[in-house]
Amino acid sequence: MKESIYTCPNCHEKTFTPLTKAFAGQLNSKGKQCSNCGVRITNGKGATIFNAVFCLAMFVLVIISFLNELDLIIIPAILAMLVVPRLVNAFCFRLEVSQRKSGF
């Protein structure tokens, strides 16, 4: 049986919603705490790769738009860099335990 993408990888309970999953962050971020087991959870490796590739593509689009003086494209591209990865994180990719090594 296939687990849901909203299932905690530590306790295997469905404790995340699309909204909490969207703001869980990438592998190296602090992540969101599971309400059942208390372990910090982030979006997985696929989400991190998607975020890096998408943001790089949007950054290149912003630079090209700036050099060609296409001002109407710059603001939507920057907004897309903020919104699209969160939407994709909310509905795609699995959750993983945070890999951040910090004292908090």
N, C-alpha and C. Protein backbone atom coordinates (compact mmCIF):
# COMPACT_ATOMS: atom_id res chain seq x y z
N MET A 1 0.84 -1.18 0.00
CA MET A 1 0.00 0.00 0.00
C MET A 1 0.88 1.24 0.00
N LYS A 2 0.58 2.17 -0.87
CA LYS A 2 1.36 3.38 -1.02
C LYS A 2 0.96 4.42 0.03
N GLU A 3 1.97 5.01 0.69
CA GLU A 3 1.70 6.02 1.71
C GLU A 3 1.35 7.36 1.07
N SER A 4 0.61 8.17 1.79
CA SER A 4 0.25 9.51 1.35
C SER A 4 1.47 10.42 1.41
N ILE A 5 1.49 11.46 0.59
CA ILE A 5 2.59 12.42 0.65
C ILE A 5 2.49 13.30 1.89
N TYR A 6 1.39 13.21 2.62
CA TYR A 6 1.20 14.00 3.85
C TYR A 6 1.49 13.17 5.10
N THR A 7 2.09 11.99 4.93
CA THR A 7 2.41 11.11 6.04
C THR A 7 3.79 11.43 6.60
N CYS A 8 3.88 11.51 7.91
CA CYS A 8 5.17 11.75 8.58
C CYS A 8 6.07 10.54 8.33
N PRO A 9 7.31 10.75 7.86
CA PRO A 9 8.20 9.61 7.61
C PRO A 9 8.72 8.96 8.89
N ASN A 10 8.56 9.60 10.03
CA ASN A 10 9.06 9.05 11.29
C ASN A 10 8.00 8.18 11.97
N CYS A 11 6.80 8.73 12.19
CA CYS A 11 5.76 7.98 12.91
C CYS A 11 4.72 7.34 11.98
N HIS A 12 4.77 7.64 10.69
CA HIS A 12 3.89 7.09 9.66
C HIS A 12 2.41 7.42 9.90
N GLU A 13 2.15 8.58 10.50
CA GLU A 13 0.78 9.07 10.68
C GLU A 13 0.56 10.24 9.72
N LYS A 14 -0.66 10.39 9.23
CA LYS A 14 -0.99 11.48 8.32
C LYS A 14 -1.29 12.74 9.16
N THR A 15 -0.22 13.49 9.49
CA THR A 15 -0.35 14.64 10.37
C THR A 15 -0.14 15.97 9.66
N PHE A 16 0.15 15.95 8.36
CA PHE A 16 0.40 17.19 7.62
C PHE A 16 -0.74 17.48 6.66
N THR A 17 -0.99 18.76 6.43
CA THR A 17 -1.97 19.23 5.47
C THR A 17 -1.21 19.86 4.30
N PRO A 18 -1.87 20.15 3.19
CA PRO A 18 -1.16 20.83 2.10
C PRO A 18 -0.52 22.16 2.53
N LEU A 19 -1.19 22.90 3.41
CA LEU A 19 -0.64 24.18 3.85
C LEU A 19 0.61 23.99 4.70
N THR A 20 0.59 23.07 5.65
CA THR A 20 1.78 22.85 6.47
C THR A 20 2.91 22.24 5.65
N LYS A 21 2.56 21.41 4.67
CA LYS A 21 3.58 20.81 3.82
C LYS A 21 4.21 21.86 2.91
N ALA A 22 3.42 22.83 2.45
CA ALA A 22 3.95 23.88 1.59
C ALA A 22 5.00 24.72 2.30
N PHE A 23 4.84 24.92 3.59
CA PHE A 23 5.77 25.76 4.35
C PHE A 23 6.79 24.94 5.14
N ALA A 24 6.92 23.65 4.85
CA ALA A 24 7.89 22.81 5.57
C ALA A 24 9.32 23.10 5.15
N GLY A 25 9.53 23.60 3.96
CA GLY A 25 10.88 23.96 3.52
C GLY A 25 11.64 22.82 2.87
N GLN A 26 12.89 23.13 2.51
CA GLN A 26 13.76 22.17 1.84
C GLN A 26 14.54 21.35 2.86
N LEU A 27 15.34 20.41 2.38
CA LEU A 27 16.06 19.49 3.26
C LEU A 27 16.97 20.17 4.28
N ASN A 28 17.58 21.29 3.92
CA ASN A 28 18.51 21.94 4.83
C ASN A 28 17.84 22.99 5.71
N SER A 29 16.52 23.11 5.64
CA SER A 29 15.81 24.09 6.46
C SER A 29 15.38 23.48 7.80
N LYS A 30 14.86 24.31 8.66
CA LYS A 30 14.44 23.86 9.99
C LYS A 30 13.26 22.89 9.90
N GLY A 31 12.35 23.14 8.98
CA GLY A 31 11.21 22.26 8.79
C GLY A 31 10.07 22.53 9.75
N LYS A 32 9.01 21.75 9.63
CA LYS A 32 7.84 21.84 10.51
C LYS A 32 7.84 20.63 11.44
N GLN A 33 7.39 20.87 12.65
CA GLN A 33 7.36 19.81 13.65
C GLN A 33 6.09 18.97 13.48
N CYS A 34 6.25 17.65 13.49
CA CYS A 34 5.12 16.74 13.43
C CYS A 34 4.33 16.85 14.73
N SER A 35 3.02 17.00 14.62
CA SER A 35 2.20 17.16 15.83
C SER A 35 2.07 15.86 16.62
N ASN A 36 2.38 14.74 15.99
CA ASN A 36 2.26 13.45 16.67
C ASN A 36 3.55 13.03 17.37
N CYS A 37 4.68 13.06 16.66
CA CYS A 37 5.94 12.55 17.24
C CYS A 37 6.93 13.65 17.61
N GLY A 38 6.75 14.87 17.11
CA GLY A 38 7.62 15.98 17.47
C GLY A 38 8.88 16.11 16.65
N VAL A 39 9.12 15.24 15.68
CA VAL A 39 10.31 15.31 14.83
C VAL A 39 10.09 16.38 13.76
N ARG A 40 11.15 17.10 13.43
CA ARG A 40 11.05 18.14 12.39
C ARG A 40 11.11 17.48 11.01
N ILE A 41 10.16 17.86 10.16
CA ILE A 41 9.99 17.25 8.84
C ILE A 41 10.11 18.32 7.76
N THR A 42 10.75 17.98 6.64
CA THR A 42 10.88 18.88 5.50
C THR A 42 10.44 18.15 4.23
N ASN A 43 10.34 18.90 3.14
CA ASN A 43 10.08 18.29 1.85
C ASN A 43 11.34 17.57 1.39
N GLY A 44 11.20 16.58 0.54
CA GLY A 44 12.30 15.70 0.20
C GLY A 44 13.28 16.23 -0.83
N LYS A 45 14.12 15.31 -1.30
CA LYS A 45 15.18 15.64 -2.24
C LYS A 45 14.62 16.14 -3.57
N GLY A 46 13.54 15.54 -4.03
CA GLY A 46 12.93 15.97 -5.29
C GLY A 46 12.45 17.40 -5.23
N ALA A 47 11.87 17.80 -4.10
CA ALA A 47 11.40 19.17 -3.92
C ALA A 47 12.57 20.14 -3.91
N THR A 48 13.68 19.75 -3.30
CA THR A 48 14.86 20.60 -3.26
C THR A 48 15.44 20.80 -4.65
N ILE A 49 15.51 19.72 -5.43
CA ILE A 49 16.02 19.81 -6.80
C ILE A 49 15.09 20.66 -7.65
N PHE A 50 13.77 20.44 -7.55
CA PHE A 50 12.82 21.24 -8.32
C PHE A 50 12.96 22.72 -7.97
N ASN A 51 13.06 23.04 -6.69
CA ASN A 51 13.18 24.42 -6.25
C ASN A 51 14.44 25.07 -6.83
N ALA A 52 15.56 24.37 -6.79
CA ALA A 52 16.82 24.92 -7.31
C ALA A 52 16.74 25.16 -8.81
N VAL A 53 16.23 24.19 -9.56
CA VAL A 53 16.14 24.33 -11.02
C VAL A 53 15.16 25.43 -11.41
N PHE A 54 13.99 25.46 -10.76
CA PHE A 54 12.98 26.46 -11.10
C PHE A 54 13.47 27.86 -10.77
N CYS A 55 14.06 28.04 -9.60
CA CYS A 55 14.54 29.37 -9.21
C CYS A 55 15.69 29.83 -10.10
N LEU A 56 16.54 28.91 -10.52
CA LEU A 56 17.62 29.27 -11.44
C LEU A 56 17.06 29.71 -12.79
N ALA A 57 16.06 28.99 -13.28
CA ALA A 57 15.43 29.36 -14.56
C ALA A 57 14.75 30.73 -14.46
N MET A 58 14.06 30.99 -13.36
CA MET A 58 13.41 32.30 -13.19
C MET A 58 14.44 33.41 -13.03
N PHE A 59 15.56 33.13 -12.36
CA PHE A 59 16.62 34.12 -12.21
C PHE A 59 17.21 34.48 -13.57
N VAL A 60 17.44 33.47 -14.42
CA VAL A 60 17.94 33.72 -15.77
C VAL A 60 16.92 34.55 -16.55
N LEU A 61 15.63 34.24 -16.41
CA LEU A 61 14.59 35.02 -17.08
C LEU A 61 14.59 36.47 -16.61
N VAL A 62 14.78 36.70 -15.32
CA VAL A 62 14.84 38.07 -14.79
C VAL A 62 16.03 38.82 -15.37
N ILE A 63 17.19 38.18 -15.43
CA ILE A 63 18.39 38.83 -15.98
C ILE A 63 18.20 39.16 -17.46
N ILE A 64 17.68 38.20 -18.23
CA ILE A 64 17.45 38.44 -19.66
C ILE A 64 16.41 39.55 -19.85
N SER A 65 15.36 39.54 -19.05
CA SER A 65 14.33 40.59 -19.14
C SER A 65 14.90 41.95 -18.79
N PHE A 66 15.78 42.00 -17.79
CA PHE A 66 16.40 43.26 -17.39
C PHE A 66 17.30 43.79 -18.50
N LEU A 67 18.08 42.91 -19.11
CA LEU A 67 18.99 43.34 -20.17
C LEU A 67 18.24 43.79 -21.42
N ASN A 68 17.09 43.19 -21.70
CA ASN A 68 16.29 43.55 -22.86
C ASN A 68 15.22 44.60 -22.55
N GLU A 69 15.25 45.12 -21.33
CA GLU A 69 14.32 46.16 -20.86
C GLU A 69 12.85 45.74 -20.99
N LEU A 70 12.56 44.50 -20.60
CA LEU A 70 11.19 43.99 -20.58
C LEU A 70 10.70 44.02 -19.13
N ASP A 71 10.35 45.20 -18.66
CA ASP A 71 10.03 45.41 -17.25
C ASP A 71 8.79 44.65 -16.79
N LEU A 72 7.85 44.36 -17.67
CA LEU A 72 6.61 43.71 -17.27
C LEU A 72 6.80 42.23 -16.92
N ILE A 73 7.92 41.66 -17.28
CA ILE A 73 8.17 40.24 -17.01
C ILE A 73 8.89 40.04 -15.68
N ILE A 74 9.61 41.03 -15.21
CA ILE A 74 10.47 40.88 -14.04
C ILE A 74 9.66 40.59 -12.77
N ILE A 75 8.65 41.39 -12.48
CA ILE A 75 7.87 41.21 -11.25
C ILE A 75 7.12 39.88 -11.22
N PRO A 76 6.43 39.47 -12.30
CA PRO A 76 5.80 38.14 -12.26
C PRO A 76 6.81 37.00 -12.12
N ALA A 77 7.99 37.14 -12.69
CA ALA A 77 9.00 36.08 -12.55
C ALA A 77 9.48 35.97 -11.11
N ILE A 78 9.66 37.11 -10.45
CA ILE A 78 10.08 37.09 -9.04
C ILE A 78 8.97 36.51 -8.17
N LEU A 79 7.72 36.88 -8.43
CA LEU A 79 6.60 36.31 -7.68
C LEU A 79 6.48 34.81 -7.92
N ALA A 80 6.74 34.38 -9.15
CA ALA A 80 6.69 32.95 -9.46
C ALA A 80 7.76 32.19 -8.68
N MET A 81 8.93 32.82 -8.47
CA MET A 81 10.00 32.19 -7.68
C MET A 81 9.55 31.93 -6.25
N LEU A 82 8.63 32.74 -5.74
CA LEU A 82 8.15 32.59 -4.37
C LEU A 82 6.94 31.66 -4.27
N VAL A 83 6.05 31.70 -5.25
CA VAL A 83 4.77 31.00 -5.15
C VAL A 83 4.82 29.57 -5.72
N VAL A 84 5.37 29.40 -6.90
CA VAL A 84 5.32 28.10 -7.58
C VAL A 84 5.99 26.98 -6.79
N PRO A 85 7.20 27.17 -6.24
CA PRO A 85 7.78 26.07 -5.45
C PRO A 85 6.93 25.67 -4.25
N ARG A 86 6.26 26.62 -3.61
CA ARG A 86 5.40 26.28 -2.47
C ARG A 86 4.18 25.48 -2.92
N LEU A 87 3.60 25.85 -4.06
CA LEU A 87 2.46 25.09 -4.58
C LEU A 87 2.88 23.67 -4.94
N VAL A 88 4.02 23.54 -5.58
CA VAL A 88 4.52 22.21 -5.94
C VAL A 88 4.83 21.40 -4.69
N ASN A 89 5.43 22.05 -3.68
CA ASN A 89 5.72 21.35 -2.43
C ASN A 89 4.45 20.88 -1.73
N ALA A 90 3.37 21.65 -1.85
CA ALA A 90 2.12 21.30 -1.18
C ALA A 90 1.48 20.05 -1.77
N PHE A 91 1.62 19.83 -3.07
CA PHE A 91 0.88 18.76 -3.73
C PHE A 91 1.74 17.68 -4.38
N CYS A 92 3.05 17.81 -4.33
CA CYS A 92 3.96 16.83 -4.93
C CYS A 92 5.09 16.52 -3.96
N PHE A 93 5.83 15.51 -4.22
CA PHE A 93 7.03 15.11 -3.48
C PHE A 93 6.72 14.63 -2.06
N ARG A 94 7.55 13.74 -1.59
CA ARG A 94 7.40 13.13 -0.26
C ARG A 94 8.08 13.97 0.81
N LEU A 95 7.66 13.75 2.05
CA LEU A 95 8.28 14.40 3.20
C LEU A 95 9.46 13.56 3.68
N GLU A 96 10.47 14.22 4.25
CA GLU A 96 11.62 13.54 4.83
C GLU A 96 11.98 14.22 6.14
N VAL A 97 12.71 13.50 6.98
CA VAL A 97 13.18 14.07 8.24
C VAL A 97 14.22 15.14 7.91
N SER A 98 14.17 16.26 8.62
CA SER A 98 15.10 17.37 8.39
C SER A 98 16.54 16.92 8.59
N GLN A 99 17.42 17.35 7.69
CA GLN A 99 18.83 16.99 7.78
C GLN A 99 19.67 18.13 8.35
N ARG A 100 19.03 19.15 8.83
CA ARG A 100 19.75 20.30 9.38
C ARG A 100 20.43 19.91 10.69
N LYS A 101 21.68 20.26 10.80
CA LYS A 101 22.45 19.97 12.01
C LYS A 101 22.62 21.27 12.80
N SER A 102 21.73 21.51 13.74
CA SER A 102 21.83 22.72 14.56
C SER A 102 21.40 22.40 15.98
N GLY A 103 21.67 23.32 16.87
CA GLY A 103 21.33 23.11 18.26
C GLY A 103 19.89 23.38 18.61
N PHE A 104 19.11 23.92 17.68
CA PHE A 104 17.72 24.26 17.98
C PHE A 104 16.81 23.18 17.48
